[in-house]
Amino acid sequence: IVLTGESAGAHLALITGMQLPTAAAIINWYGIT
C-alpha cells in the first residue's frame, strides 16, 4: 500500500502512514510538515 497526496493531502498521507504503520511507502507531494 502506497499513501500519497498533494499539499494538505500529502500532510494527511504522511501523518496517516506515521501513525498507522501499514504502508509500504509514502509519496509526499509538497506536503505540510
PDB file of all heavy atoms in Angstrom:
ATOM      1  N   ILE A   1       0.851  -1.190   0.000  1.00  0.00           N
ATOM      2  CA  ILE A   1       0.000   0.000   0.000  1.00  0.00           C
ATOM      3  C   ILE A   1       0.886   1.239   0.000  1.00  0.00           C
ATOM      4  O   ILE A   1       1.827   1.355   0.797  1.00  0.00           O
ATOM      5  CB  ILE A   1      -0.937   0.016   1.222  1.00  0.00           C
ATOM      6  CG1 ILE A   1      -1.987  -1.101   1.086  1.00  0.00           C
ATOM      7  CG2 ILE A   1      -1.610   1.370   1.388  1.00  0.00           C
ATOM      8  CD1 ILE A   1      -2.893  -1.250   2.289  1.00  0.00           C
ATOM      9  N   VAL A   2       0.586   2.157  -0.901  1.00  0.00           N
ATOM     10  CA  VAL A   2       1.312   3.422  -1.006  1.00  0.00           C
ATOM     11  C   VAL A   2       0.356   4.549  -0.637  1.00  0.00           C
ATOM     12  O   VAL A   2      -0.725   4.663  -1.209  1.00  0.00           O
ATOM     13  CB  VAL A   2       1.842   3.646  -2.442  1.00  0.00           C
ATOM     14  CG1 VAL A   2       2.571   4.984  -2.539  1.00  0.00           C
ATOM     15  CG2 VAL A   2       2.747   2.496  -2.864  1.00  0.00           C
ATOM     16  N   LEU A   3       0.741   5.376   0.321  1.00  0.00           N
ATOM     17  CA  LEU A   3      -0.044   6.546   0.693  1.00  0.00           C
ATOM     18  C   LEU A   3       0.520   7.764  -0.023  1.00  0.00           C
ATOM     19  O   LEU A   3       1.742   7.959  -0.066  1.00  0.00           O
ATOM     20  CB  LEU A   3       0.009   6.777   2.205  1.00  0.00           C
ATOM     21  CG  LEU A   3      -0.521   5.648   3.085  1.00  0.00           C
ATOM     22  CD1 LEU A   3      -0.391   6.026   4.558  1.00  0.00           C
ATOM     23  CD2 LEU A   3      -1.956   5.309   2.756  1.00  0.00           C
ATOM     24  N   THR A   4      -0.369   8.584  -0.580  1.00  0.00           N
ATOM     25  CA  THR A   4       0.095   9.770  -1.277  1.00  0.00           C
ATOM     26  C   THR A   4      -0.967  10.851  -1.253  1.00  0.00           C
ATOM     27  O   THR A   4      -2.137  10.605  -0.932  1.00  0.00           O
ATOM     28  CB  THR A   4       0.501   9.441  -2.730  1.00  0.00           C
ATOM     29  OG1 THR A   4       1.193  10.565  -3.292  1.00  0.00           O
ATOM     30  CG2 THR A   4      -0.710   9.130  -3.597  1.00  0.00           C
ATOM     31  N   GLY A   5      -0.550  12.053  -1.586  1.00  0.00           N
ATOM     32  CA  GLY A   5      -1.459  13.186  -1.658  1.00  0.00           C
ATOM     33  C   GLY A   5      -0.676  14.427  -2.001  1.00  0.00           C
ATOM     34  O   GLY A   5       0.562  14.404  -2.105  1.00  0.00           O
ATOM     35  N   GLU A   6      -1.402  15.509  -2.173  1.00  0.00           N
ATOM     36  CA  GLU A   6      -0.790  16.775  -2.561  1.00  0.00           C
ATOM     37  C   GLU A   6      -1.115  17.839  -1.518  1.00  0.00           C
ATOM     38  O   GLU A   6      -2.265  17.963  -1.092  1.00  0.00           O
ATOM     39  CB  GLU A   6      -1.313  17.212  -3.936  1.00  0.00           C
ATOM     40  CG  GLU A   6      -0.997  16.207  -5.038  1.00  0.00           C
ATOM     41  CD  GLU A   6      -1.739  16.470  -6.336  1.00  0.00           C
ATOM     42  OE1 GLU A   6      -2.652  17.327  -6.348  1.00  0.00           O
ATOM     43  OE2 GLU A   6      -1.433  15.789  -7.336  1.00  0.00           O
ATOM     44  N   SER A   7      -0.088  18.577  -1.075  1.00  0.00           N
ATOM     45  CA  SER A   7      -0.266  19.680  -0.137  1.00  0.00           C
ATOM     46  C   SER A   7      -0.851  19.174   1.180  1.00  0.00           C
ATOM     47  O   SER A   7      -0.228  18.351   1.857  1.00  0.00           O
ATOM     48  CB  SER A   7      -1.131  20.762  -0.784  1.00  0.00           C
ATOM     49  OG  SER A   7      -1.087  21.959  -0.044  1.00  0.00           O
ATOM     50  N   ALA A   8      -2.054  19.624   1.568  1.00  0.00           N
ATOM     51  CA  ALA A   8      -2.669  19.111   2.797  1.00  0.00           C
ATOM     52  C   ALA A   8      -2.929  17.614   2.688  1.00  0.00           C
ATOM     53  O   ALA A   8      -2.897  16.897   3.696  1.00  0.00           O
ATOM     54  CB  ALA A   8      -3.961  19.860   3.097  1.00  0.00           C
ATOM     55  N   GLY A   9      -3.193  17.129   1.474  1.00  0.00           N
ATOM     56  CA  GLY A   9      -3.367  15.696   1.278  1.00  0.00           C
ATOM     57  C   GLY A   9      -2.087  14.933   1.536  1.00  0.00           C
ATOM     58  O   GLY A   9      -2.098  13.811   2.064  1.00  0.00           O
ATOM     59  N   ALA A  10      -0.954  15.525   1.179  1.00  0.00           N
ATOM     60  CA  ALA A  10       0.337  14.898   1.472  1.00  0.00           C
ATOM     61  C   ALA A  10       0.592  14.900   2.971  1.00  0.00           C
ATOM     62  O   ALA A  10       1.150  13.946   3.526  1.00  0.00           O
ATOM     63  CB  ALA A  10       1.451  15.628   0.737  1.00  0.00           C
ATOM     64  N   HIS A  11       0.221  16.004   3.638  1.00  0.00           N
ATOM     65  CA  HIS A  11       0.304  16.036   5.101  1.00  0.00           C
ATOM     66  C   HIS A  11      -0.471  14.862   5.696  1.00  0.00           C
ATOM     67  O   HIS A  11       0.014  14.154   6.581  1.00  0.00           O
ATOM     68  CB  HIS A  11      -0.260  17.361   5.636  1.00  0.00           C
ATOM     69  CG  HIS A  11      -0.668  17.299   7.078  1.00  0.00           C
ATOM     70  ND1 HIS A  11      -1.955  16.965   7.464  1.00  0.00           N
ATOM     71  CD2 HIS A  11       0.029  17.481   8.220  1.00  0.00           C
ATOM     72  CE1 HIS A  11      -2.024  16.963   8.787  1.00  0.00           C
ATOM     73  NE2 HIS A  11      -0.834  17.270   9.270  1.00  0.00           N
ATOM     74  N   LEU A  12      -1.697  14.638   5.185  1.00  0.00           N
ATOM     75  CA  LEU A  12      -2.525  13.554   5.712  1.00  0.00           C
ATOM     76  C   LEU A  12      -1.935  12.183   5.385  1.00  0.00           C
ATOM     77  O   LEU A  12      -2.014  11.256   6.197  1.00  0.00           O
ATOM     78  CB  LEU A  12      -3.947  13.677   5.168  1.00  0.00           C
ATOM     79  CG  LEU A  12      -4.723  14.897   5.686  1.00  0.00           C
ATOM     80  CD1 LEU A  12      -6.022  15.081   4.895  1.00  0.00           C
ATOM     81  CD2 LEU A  12      -5.008  14.772   7.178  1.00  0.00           C
ATOM     82  N   ALA A  13      -1.355  12.050   4.198  1.00  0.00           N
ATOM     83  CA  ALA A  13      -0.690  10.790   3.851  1.00  0.00           C
ATOM     84  C   ALA A  13       0.479  10.520   4.797  1.00  0.00           C
ATOM     85  O   ALA A  13       0.667   9.395   5.278  1.00  0.00           O
ATOM     86  CB  ALA A  13      -0.208  10.830   2.403  1.00  0.00           C
ATOM     87  N   LEU A  14       1.253  11.559   5.083  1.00  0.00           N
ATOM     88  CA  LEU A  14       2.397  11.411   5.985  1.00  0.00           C
ATOM     89  C   LEU A  14       1.947  11.037   7.393  1.00  0.00           C
ATOM     90  O   LEU A  14       2.437  10.071   7.982  1.00  0.00           O
ATOM     91  CB  LEU A  14       3.202  12.714   6.032  1.00  0.00           C
ATOM     92  CG  LEU A  14       4.067  13.034   4.820  1.00  0.00           C
ATOM     93  CD1 LEU A  14       4.505  14.496   4.841  1.00  0.00           C
ATOM     94  CD2 LEU A  14       5.296  12.114   4.760  1.00  0.00           C
ATOM     95  N   ILE A  15       1.020  11.817   7.946  1.00  0.00           N
ATOM     96  CA  ILE A  15       0.622  11.590   9.333  1.00  0.00           C
ATOM     97  C   ILE A  15      -0.092  10.256   9.481  1.00  0.00           C
ATOM     98  O   ILE A  15       0.049   9.562  10.489  1.00  0.00           O
ATOM     99  CB  ILE A  15      -0.238  12.771   9.851  1.00  0.00           C
ATOM    100  CG1 ILE A  15      -0.245  12.811  11.378  1.00  0.00           C
ATOM    101  CG2 ILE A  15      -1.632  12.754   9.298  1.00  0.00           C
ATOM    102  CD1 ILE A  15       1.005  13.343  11.983  1.00  0.00           C
ATOM    103  N   THR A  16      -0.847   9.853   8.452  1.00  0.00           N
ATOM    104  CA  THR A  16      -1.519   8.545   8.492  1.00  0.00           C
ATOM    105  C   THR A  16      -0.501   7.419   8.482  1.00  0.00           C
ATOM    106  O   THR A  16      -0.575   6.473   9.278  1.00  0.00           O
ATOM    107  CB  THR A  16      -2.485   8.404   7.300  1.00  0.00           C
ATOM    108  OG1 THR A  16      -3.477   9.434   7.375  1.00  0.00           O
ATOM    109  CG2 THR A  16      -3.167   7.051   7.309  1.00  0.00           C
ATOM    110  N   GLY A  17       0.471   7.505   7.574  1.00  0.00           N
ATOM    111  CA  GLY A  17       1.489   6.463   7.482  1.00  0.00           C
ATOM    112  C   GLY A  17       2.402   6.408   8.680  1.00  0.00           C
ATOM    113  O   GLY A  17       2.945   5.343   9.013  1.00  0.00           O
ATOM    114  N   MET A  18       2.561   7.539   9.353  1.00  0.00           N
ATOM    115  CA  MET A  18       3.416   7.574  10.541  1.00  0.00           C
ATOM    116  C   MET A  18       2.695   7.023  11.771  1.00  0.00           C
ATOM    117  O   MET A  18       3.327   6.450  12.662  1.00  0.00           O
ATOM    118  CB  MET A  18       3.868   9.009  10.805  1.00  0.00           C
ATOM    119  CG  MET A  18       4.876   9.534   9.802  1.00  0.00           C
ATOM    120  SD  MET A  18       5.241  11.289  10.051  1.00  0.00           S
ATOM    121  CE  MET A  18       6.720  11.479   9.034  1.00  0.00           C
ATOM    122  N   GLN A  19       1.367   7.188  11.822  1.00  0.00           N
ATOM    123  CA  GLN A  19       0.617   6.736  12.987  1.00  0.00           C
ATOM    124  C   GLN A  19       0.115   5.302  12.840  1.00  0.00           C
ATOM    125  O   GLN A  19      -0.084   4.617  13.843  1.00  0.00           O
ATOM    126  CB  GLN A  19      -0.576   7.666  13.239  1.00  0.00           C
ATOM    127  CG  GLN A  19      -0.161   9.052  13.698  1.00  0.00           C
ATOM    128  CD  GLN A  19      -1.332   9.842  14.258  1.00  0.00           C
ATOM    129  OE1 GLN A  19      -2.187   9.322  14.947  1.00  0.00           O
ATOM    130  NE2 GLN A  19      -1.364  11.122  13.952  1.00  0.00           N
ATOM    131  N   LEU A  20      -0.126   4.873  11.610  1.00  0.00           N
ATOM    132  CA  LEU A  20      -0.627   3.523  11.365  1.00  0.00           C
ATOM    133  C   LEU A  20       0.356   2.843  10.425  1.00  0.00           C
ATOM    134  O   LEU A  20       0.268   3.001   9.197  1.00  0.00           O
ATOM    135  CB  LEU A  20      -2.028   3.589  10.748  1.00  0.00           C
ATOM    136  CG  LEU A  20      -2.842   2.302  10.715  1.00  0.00           C
ATOM    137  CD1 LEU A  20      -3.114   1.806  12.126  1.00  0.00           C
ATOM    138  CD2 LEU A  20      -4.163   2.534   9.982  1.00  0.00           C
ATOM    139  N   PRO A  21       1.327   2.116  10.949  1.00  0.00           N
ATOM    140  CA  PRO A  21       2.434   1.603  10.124  1.00  0.00           C
ATOM    141  C   PRO A  21       2.018   0.438   9.234  1.00  0.00           C
ATOM    142  O   PRO A  21       2.459  -0.694   9.414  1.00  0.00           O
ATOM    143  CB  PRO A  21       3.457   1.185  11.175  1.00  0.00           C
ATOM    144  CG  PRO A  21       2.640   0.822  12.373  1.00  0.00           C
ATOM    145  CD  PRO A  21       1.454   1.729  12.355  1.00  0.00           C
ATOM    146  N   THR A  22       1.163   0.748   8.262  1.00  0.00           N
ATOM    147  CA  THR A  22       0.681  -0.266   7.325  1.00  0.00           C
ATOM    148  C   THR A  22       1.270  -0.064   5.939  1.00  0.00           C
ATOM    149  O   THR A  22       1.412  -1.014   5.183  1.00  0.00           O
ATOM    150  CB  THR A  22      -0.866  -0.215   7.242  1.00  0.00           C
ATOM    151  OG1 THR A  22      -1.393  -0.437   8.553  1.00  0.00           O
ATOM    152  CG2 THR A  22      -1.411  -1.262   6.305  1.00  0.00           C
ATOM    153  N   ALA A  23       1.592   1.171   5.599  1.00  0.00           N
ATOM    154  CA  ALA A  23       2.035   1.497   4.242  1.00  0.00           C
ATOM    155  C   ALA A  23       3.412   0.937   3.943  1.00  0.00           C
ATOM    156  O   ALA A  23       4.281   0.857   4.820  1.00  0.00           O
ATOM    157  CB  ALA A  23       2.040   3.007   4.053  1.00  0.00           C
ATOM    158  N   ALA A  24       3.597   0.557   2.675  1.00  0.00           N
ATOM    159  CA  ALA A  24       4.917   0.141   2.207  1.00  0.00           C
ATOM    160  C   ALA A  24       5.765   1.340   1.820  1.00  0.00           C
ATOM    161  O   ALA A  24       6.996   1.256   1.794  1.00  0.00           O
ATOM    162  CB  ALA A  24       4.772  -0.795   1.012  1.00  0.00           C
ATOM    163  N   ALA A  25       5.110   2.461   1.491  1.00  0.00           N
ATOM    164  CA  ALA A  25       5.827   3.684   1.098  1.00  0.00           C
ATOM    165  C   ALA A  25       4.858   4.855   1.166  1.00  0.00           C
ATOM    166  O   ALA A  25       3.633   4.682   1.110  1.00  0.00           O
ATOM    167  CB  ALA A  25       6.406   3.551  -0.310  1.00  0.00           C
ATOM    168  N   ILE A  26       5.421   6.063   1.281  1.00  0.00           N
ATOM    169  CA  ILE A  26       4.649   7.303   1.262  1.00  0.00           C
ATOM    170  C   ILE A  26       5.262   8.212   0.206  1.00  0.00           C
ATOM    171  O   ILE A  26       6.486   8.414   0.182  1.00  0.00           O
ATOM    172  CB  ILE A  26       4.655   8.005   2.627  1.00  0.00           C
ATOM    173  CG1 ILE A  26       4.106   7.081   3.726  1.00  0.00           C
ATOM    174  CG2 ILE A  26       3.844   9.307   2.573  1.00  0.00           C
ATOM    175  CD1 ILE A  26       4.270   7.630   5.141  1.00  0.00           C
ATOM    176  N   ILE A  27       4.416   8.754  -0.667  1.00  0.00           N
ATOM    177  CA  ILE A  27       4.860   9.725  -1.665  1.00  0.00           C
ATOM    178  C   ILE A  27       4.269  11.076  -1.265  1.00  0.00           C
ATOM    179  O   ILE A  27       3.052  11.273  -1.312  1.00  0.00           O
ATOM    180  CB  ILE A  27       4.414   9.342  -3.088  1.00  0.00           C
ATOM    181  CG1 ILE A  27       4.788   7.887  -3.400  1.00  0.00           C
ATOM    182  CG2 ILE A  27       5.021  10.303  -4.099  1.00  0.00           C
ATOM    183  CD1 ILE A  27       6.261   7.593  -3.409  1.00  0.00           C
ATOM    184  N   ASN A  28       5.120  11.985  -0.872  1.00  0.00           N
ATOM    185  CA  ASN A  28       4.735  13.273  -0.318  1.00  0.00           C
ATOM    186  C   ASN A  28       4.915  14.370  -1.368  1.00  0.00           C
ATOM    187  O   ASN A  28       6.028  14.783  -1.657  1.00  0.00           O
ATOM    188  CB  ASN A  28       5.595  13.545   0.931  1.00  0.00           C
ATOM    189  CG  ASN A  28       5.590  14.993   1.358  1.00  0.00           C
ATOM    190  OD1 ASN A  28       4.614  15.710   1.188  1.00  0.00           O
ATOM    191  ND2 ASN A  28       6.713  15.438   1.929  1.00  0.00           N
ATOM    192  N   TRP A  29       3.782  14.841  -1.929  1.00  0.00           N
ATOM    193  CA  TRP A  29       3.834  15.927  -2.903  1.00  0.00           C
ATOM    194  C   TRP A  29       3.668  17.261  -2.180  1.00  0.00           C
ATOM    195  O   TRP A  29       2.580  17.616  -1.764  1.00  0.00           O
ATOM    196  CB  TRP A  29       2.711  15.789  -3.929  1.00  0.00           C
ATOM    197  CG  TRP A  29       2.794  14.610  -4.851  1.00  0.00           C
ATOM    198  CD1 TRP A  29       2.530  13.309  -4.557  1.00  0.00           C
ATOM    199  CD2 TRP A  29       3.130  14.638  -6.249  1.00  0.00           C
ATOM    200  NE1 TRP A  29       2.682  12.528  -5.689  1.00  0.00           N
ATOM    201  CE2 TRP A  29       3.049  13.312  -6.739  1.00  0.00           C
ATOM    202  CE3 TRP A  29       3.478  15.674  -7.142  1.00  0.00           C
ATOM    203  CZ2 TRP A  29       3.307  12.981  -8.065  1.00  0.00           C
ATOM    204  CZ3 TRP A  29       3.732  15.337  -8.458  1.00  0.00           C
ATOM    205  CH2 TRP A  29       3.655  14.010  -8.909  1.00  0.00           C
ATOM    206  N   TYR A  30       4.781  17.959  -1.979  1.00  0.00           N
ATOM    207  CA  TYR A  30       4.826  19.306  -1.372  1.00  0.00           C
ATOM    208  C   TYR A  30       3.887  19.448  -0.178  1.00  0.00           C
ATOM    209  O   TYR A  30       3.106  20.372  -0.053  1.00  0.00           O
ATOM    210  CB  TYR A  30       4.581  20.396  -2.428  1.00  0.00           C
ATOM    211  CG  TYR A  30       3.453  20.155  -3.409  1.00  0.00           C
ATOM    212  CD1 TYR A  30       2.148  20.559  -3.152  1.00  0.00           C
ATOM    213  CD2 TYR A  30       3.709  19.521  -4.647  1.00  0.00           C
ATOM    214  CE1 TYR A  30       1.137  20.356  -4.066  1.00  0.00           C
ATOM    215  CE2 TYR A  30       2.695  19.298  -5.553  1.00  0.00           C
ATOM    216  CZ  TYR A  30       1.411  19.720  -5.256  1.00  0.00           C
ATOM    217  OH  TYR A  30       0.400  19.513  -6.161  1.00  0.00           O
ATOM    218  N   GLY A  31       4.035  18.493   0.749  1.00  0.00           N
ATOM    219  CA  GLY A  31       3.135  18.457   1.898  1.00  0.00           C
ATOM    220  C   GLY A  31       3.569  19.359   3.038  1.00  0.00           C
ATOM    221  O   GLY A  31       4.737  19.721   3.190  1.00  0.00           O
ATOM    222  N   ILE A  32       2.599  19.685   3.870  1.00  0.00           N
ATOM    223  CA  ILE A  32       2.823  20.479   5.076  1.00  0.00           C
ATOM    224  C   ILE A  32       3.397  19.543   6.130  1.00  0.00           C
ATOM    225  O   ILE A  32       2.765  18.536   6.491  1.00  0.00           O
ATOM    226  CB  ILE A  32       1.500  21.097   5.572  1.00  0.00           C
ATOM    227  CG1 ILE A  32       0.918  22.013   4.498  1.00  0.00           C
ATOM    228  CG2 ILE A  32       1.699  21.848   6.889  1.00  0.00           C
ATOM    229  CD1 ILE A  32      -0.582  22.076   4.482  1.00  0.00           C
ATOM    230  N   THR A  33       4.562  19.856   6.654  1.00  0.00           N
ATOM    231  CA  THR A  33       5.170  19.014   7.680  1.00  0.00           C
ATOM    232  C   THR A  33       5.214  19.702   9.036  1.00  0.00           C
ATOM    233  O   THR A  33       5.376  19.047  10.057  1.00  0.00           O
ATOM    234  CB  THR A  33       6.597  18.585   7.268  1.00  0.00           C
ATOM    235  OG1 THR A  33       7.426  19.736   7.141  1.00  0.00           O
ATOM    236  CG2 THR A  33       6.570  17.836   5.939  1.00  0.00           C
TER     237      THR A  33
END
